[in-house]
């Protein structure tokens, strides 16, 4: 076990990037997420469902979009495997924690956080010394019926 409490393979299954605010951040973050999960599958033999790939891209896109929109300065994106989840962590400089709005079919836009919370197995928003950190967990597998593991069918 390493000094940080992780096993050697856990340290290998992590990637971090700083996004500096140019117009390609969101597309770059999505490509990074797909590349990371593809490598995890190829190099470590973990199965990653097509749903996990799609959901991870969606979540990364929503969280990075919100960070770029509301927080000045760079955004830090961290992807790591924790058990049977991919954790997506986005850090930005704005200390205001996001709040999901009540459902309103007439509202145009501003549904990103609601979507993220609906498709993830876990969600946490925390203030840090500078800014905030959003951490979500997305299951890597689906059960044989296609239902995301750990979530009952709707």
Protein backbone atom coordinates (compact mmCIF):
# COMPACT_ATOMS: atom_id res chain seq x y z
CA UNK A 1 0.00 0.00 0.00
CA UNK A 2 1.25 3.48 -0.85
CA UNK A 3 1.78 6.41 1.53
CA UNK A 4 -1.55 7.86 0.35
CA UNK A 5 -3.44 4.69 1.37
CA UNK A 6 -4.00 3.48 -2.20
CA UNK A 7 -2.98 0.21 -3.75
CA UNK A 8 -0.47 0.39 -6.65
CA UNK A 9 -3.10 -0.35 -9.34
CA UNK A 10 -5.41 2.35 -7.96
CA UNK A 11 -2.76 5.01 -8.48
CA UNK A 12 -2.36 3.86 -12.07
CA UNK A 13 -6.06 4.28 -12.80
CA UNK A 14 -6.24 8.03 -12.43
CA UNK A 15 -5.71 11.00 -14.69
CA UNK A 16 -5.84 14.73 -14.01
CA UNK A 17 -5.85 17.74 -16.32
CA UNK A 18 -6.02 21.48 -15.79
CA UNK A 19 -8.35 23.23 -18.23
CA UNK A 20 -7.33 26.82 -18.77
CA UNK A 21 -10.42 28.32 -20.32
CA UNK A 22 -9.97 28.28 -24.06
CA UNK A 23 -12.90 27.36 -26.29
CA UNK A 24 -11.90 23.70 -26.57
CA UNK A 25 -12.06 22.79 -22.85
CA UNK A 26 -15.31 20.85 -22.94
CA UNK A 27 -14.43 18.79 -26.02
CA UNK A 28 -10.95 18.15 -24.60
CA UNK A 29 -12.42 17.01 -21.28
CA UNK A 30 -14.83 14.61 -23.04
CA UNK A 31 -12.00 13.11 -25.12
CA UNK A 32 -9.87 12.75 -22.00
CA UNK A 33 -12.69 10.86 -20.24
CA UNK A 34 -13.22 8.45 -23.15
CA UNK A 35 -9.48 7.91 -23.53
CA UNK A 36 -9.10 7.25 -19.81
CA UNK A 37 -11.91 4.67 -19.68
CA UNK A 38 -10.66 3.02 -22.88
CA UNK A 39 -7.17 2.69 -21.36
CA UNK A 40 -8.58 1.33 -18.08
CA UNK A 41 -10.40 -1.33 -20.04
CA UNK A 42 -7.45 -2.22 -22.30
CA UNK A 43 -4.61 -2.02 -19.79
CA UNK A 44 -6.29 -3.22 -16.60
CA UNK A 45 -8.99 -5.53 -17.95
CA UNK A 46 -11.86 -3.73 -16.22
CA UNK A 47 -15.11 -3.89 -18.14
CA UNK A 48 -16.60 -0.49 -18.95
CA UNK A 49 -20.14 -0.58 -20.34
CA UNK A 50 -21.19 1.56 -23.29
CA UNK A 51 -23.58 3.31 -20.89
CA UNK A 52 -20.68 4.18 -18.55
CA UNK A 53 -18.75 5.71 -21.47
CA UNK A 54 -21.77 7.77 -22.56
CA UNK A 55 -22.75 8.87 -19.06
CA UNK A 56 -19.18 9.81 -18.17
CA UNK A 57 -18.92 12.00 -21.26
CA UNK A 58 -22.25 13.66 -20.43
CA UNK A 59 -21.32 14.27 -16.78
CA UNK A 60 -17.87 15.62 -17.66
CA UNK A 61 -19.43 17.92 -20.23
CA UNK A 62 -22.05 19.25 -17.79
CA UNK A 63 -19.67 19.76 -14.87
CA UNK A 64 -16.90 21.38 -16.93
CA UNK A 65 -19.45 23.60 -18.71
CA UNK A 66 -20.79 24.84 -15.36
CA UNK A 67 -17.30 25.40 -13.96
CA UNK A 68 -16.23 27.36 -17.05
CA UNK A 69 -19.45 29.37 -16.99
CA UNK A 70 -19.50 30.33 -13.29
CA UNK A 71 -15.89 30.27 -12.05
CA UNK A 72 -12.97 32.40 -13.16
CA UNK A 73 -9.62 30.74 -13.68
CA UNK A 74 -8.61 27.20 -14.44
CA UNK A 75 -10.72 24.11 -13.83
CA UNK A 76 -9.15 20.89 -12.61
CA UNK A 77 -10.65 17.62 -13.90
CA UNK A 78 -9.71 14.38 -12.18
CA UNK A 79 -10.87 10.92 -13.27
CA UNK A 80 -10.14 7.83 -11.20
CA UNK A 81 -11.36 4.30 -10.72
CA UNK A 82 -12.66 3.51 -7.24
CA UNK A 83 -13.99 -0.04 -6.98
CA UNK A 84 -16.66 -0.47 -9.67
CA UNK A 85 -17.10 3.28 -10.19
CA UNK A 86 -15.39 5.95 -12.20
CA UNK A 87 -15.16 9.07 -10.06
CA UNK A 88 -15.30 12.39 -11.84
CA UNK A 89 -13.95 15.28 -9.78
CA UNK A 90 -14.16 18.88 -10.98
CA UNK A 91 -12.55 21.68 -8.97
CA UNK A 92 -13.02 25.36 -9.68
CA UNK A 93 -12.45 28.70 -7.97
CA UNK A 94 -16.08 29.60 -7.17
CA UNK A 95 -16.98 28.71 -3.55
CA UNK A 96 -20.74 28.78 -4.23
CA UNK A 97 -22.11 25.24 -4.15
CA UNK A 98 -24.51 24.28 -6.94
CA UNK A 99 -28.15 23.67 -6.09
CA UNK A 100 -30.51 21.60 -8.22
CA UNK A 101 -33.55 23.61 -9.14
CA UNK A 102 -37.08 22.32 -8.79
CA UNK A 103 -38.51 20.65 -11.87
CA UNK A 104 -40.08 23.09 -14.33
CA UNK A 105 -41.04 21.77 -17.76
CA UNK A 106 -41.29 25.35 -19.02
CA UNK A 107 -37.74 26.28 -18.06
CA UNK A 108 -35.30 26.46 -20.94
CA UNK A 109 -31.83 25.33 -19.94
CA UNK A 110 -30.25 25.07 -16.50
CA UNK A 111 -31.04 21.36 -16.15
CA UNK A 112 -27.41 20.18 -16.07
CA UNK A 113 -27.14 19.51 -12.35
CA UNK A 114 -30.49 17.70 -12.33
CA UNK A 115 -29.26 15.47 -15.17
CA UNK A 116 -25.95 14.76 -13.43
CA UNK A 117 -27.68 13.81 -10.19
CA UNK A 118 -30.14 11.54 -12.03
CA UNK A 119 -27.51 9.48 -13.87
CA UNK A 120 -24.84 9.13 -11.17
CA UNK A 121 -24.67 6.71 -8.27
CA UNK A 122 -23.17 9.37 -5.98
CA UNK A 123 -22.89 13.16 -5.88
CA UNK A 124 -21.00 15.39 -3.47
CA UNK A 125 -20.34 19.14 -3.56
CA UNK A 126 -17.80 20.55 -1.09
CA UNK A 127 -16.24 23.92 -0.44
CA UNK A 128 -12.46 23.89 -0.35
CA UNK A 129 -9.90 26.42 0.84
CA UNK A 130 -10.18 28.00 -2.60
CA UNK A 131 -13.37 27.30 -4.52
CA UNK A 132 -15.23 24.02 -4.54
CA UNK A 133 -14.99 20.39 -5.53
CA UNK A 134 -17.77 18.38 -7.16
CA UNK A 135 -17.34 14.59 -7.01
CA UNK A 136 -19.64 12.12 -8.73
CA UNK A 137 -19.52 8.35 -9.05
CA UNK A 138 -20.66 6.51 -12.17
CA UNK A 139 -20.97 2.74 -12.23
CA UNK A 140 -18.75 1.01 -14.80
CA UNK A 141 -21.07 -1.95 -15.35
CA UNK A 142 -24.67 -2.70 -16.25
CA UNK A 143 -26.44 -5.84 -15.07
CA UNK A 144 -27.48 -8.45 -17.68
CA UNK A 145 -30.84 -6.71 -18.13
CA UNK A 146 -29.11 -3.45 -19.01
CA UNK A 147 -29.91 -1.74 -15.72
CA UNK A 148 -27.01 0.22 -14.20
CA UNK A 149 -25.57 -1.82 -11.35
CA UNK A 150 -26.61 -0.66 -7.93
CA UNK A 151 -29.68 1.24 -9.11
CA UNK A 152 -33.17 -0.26 -9.17
CA UNK A 153 -35.06 -0.14 -12.49
CA UNK A 154 -37.30 2.87 -12.82
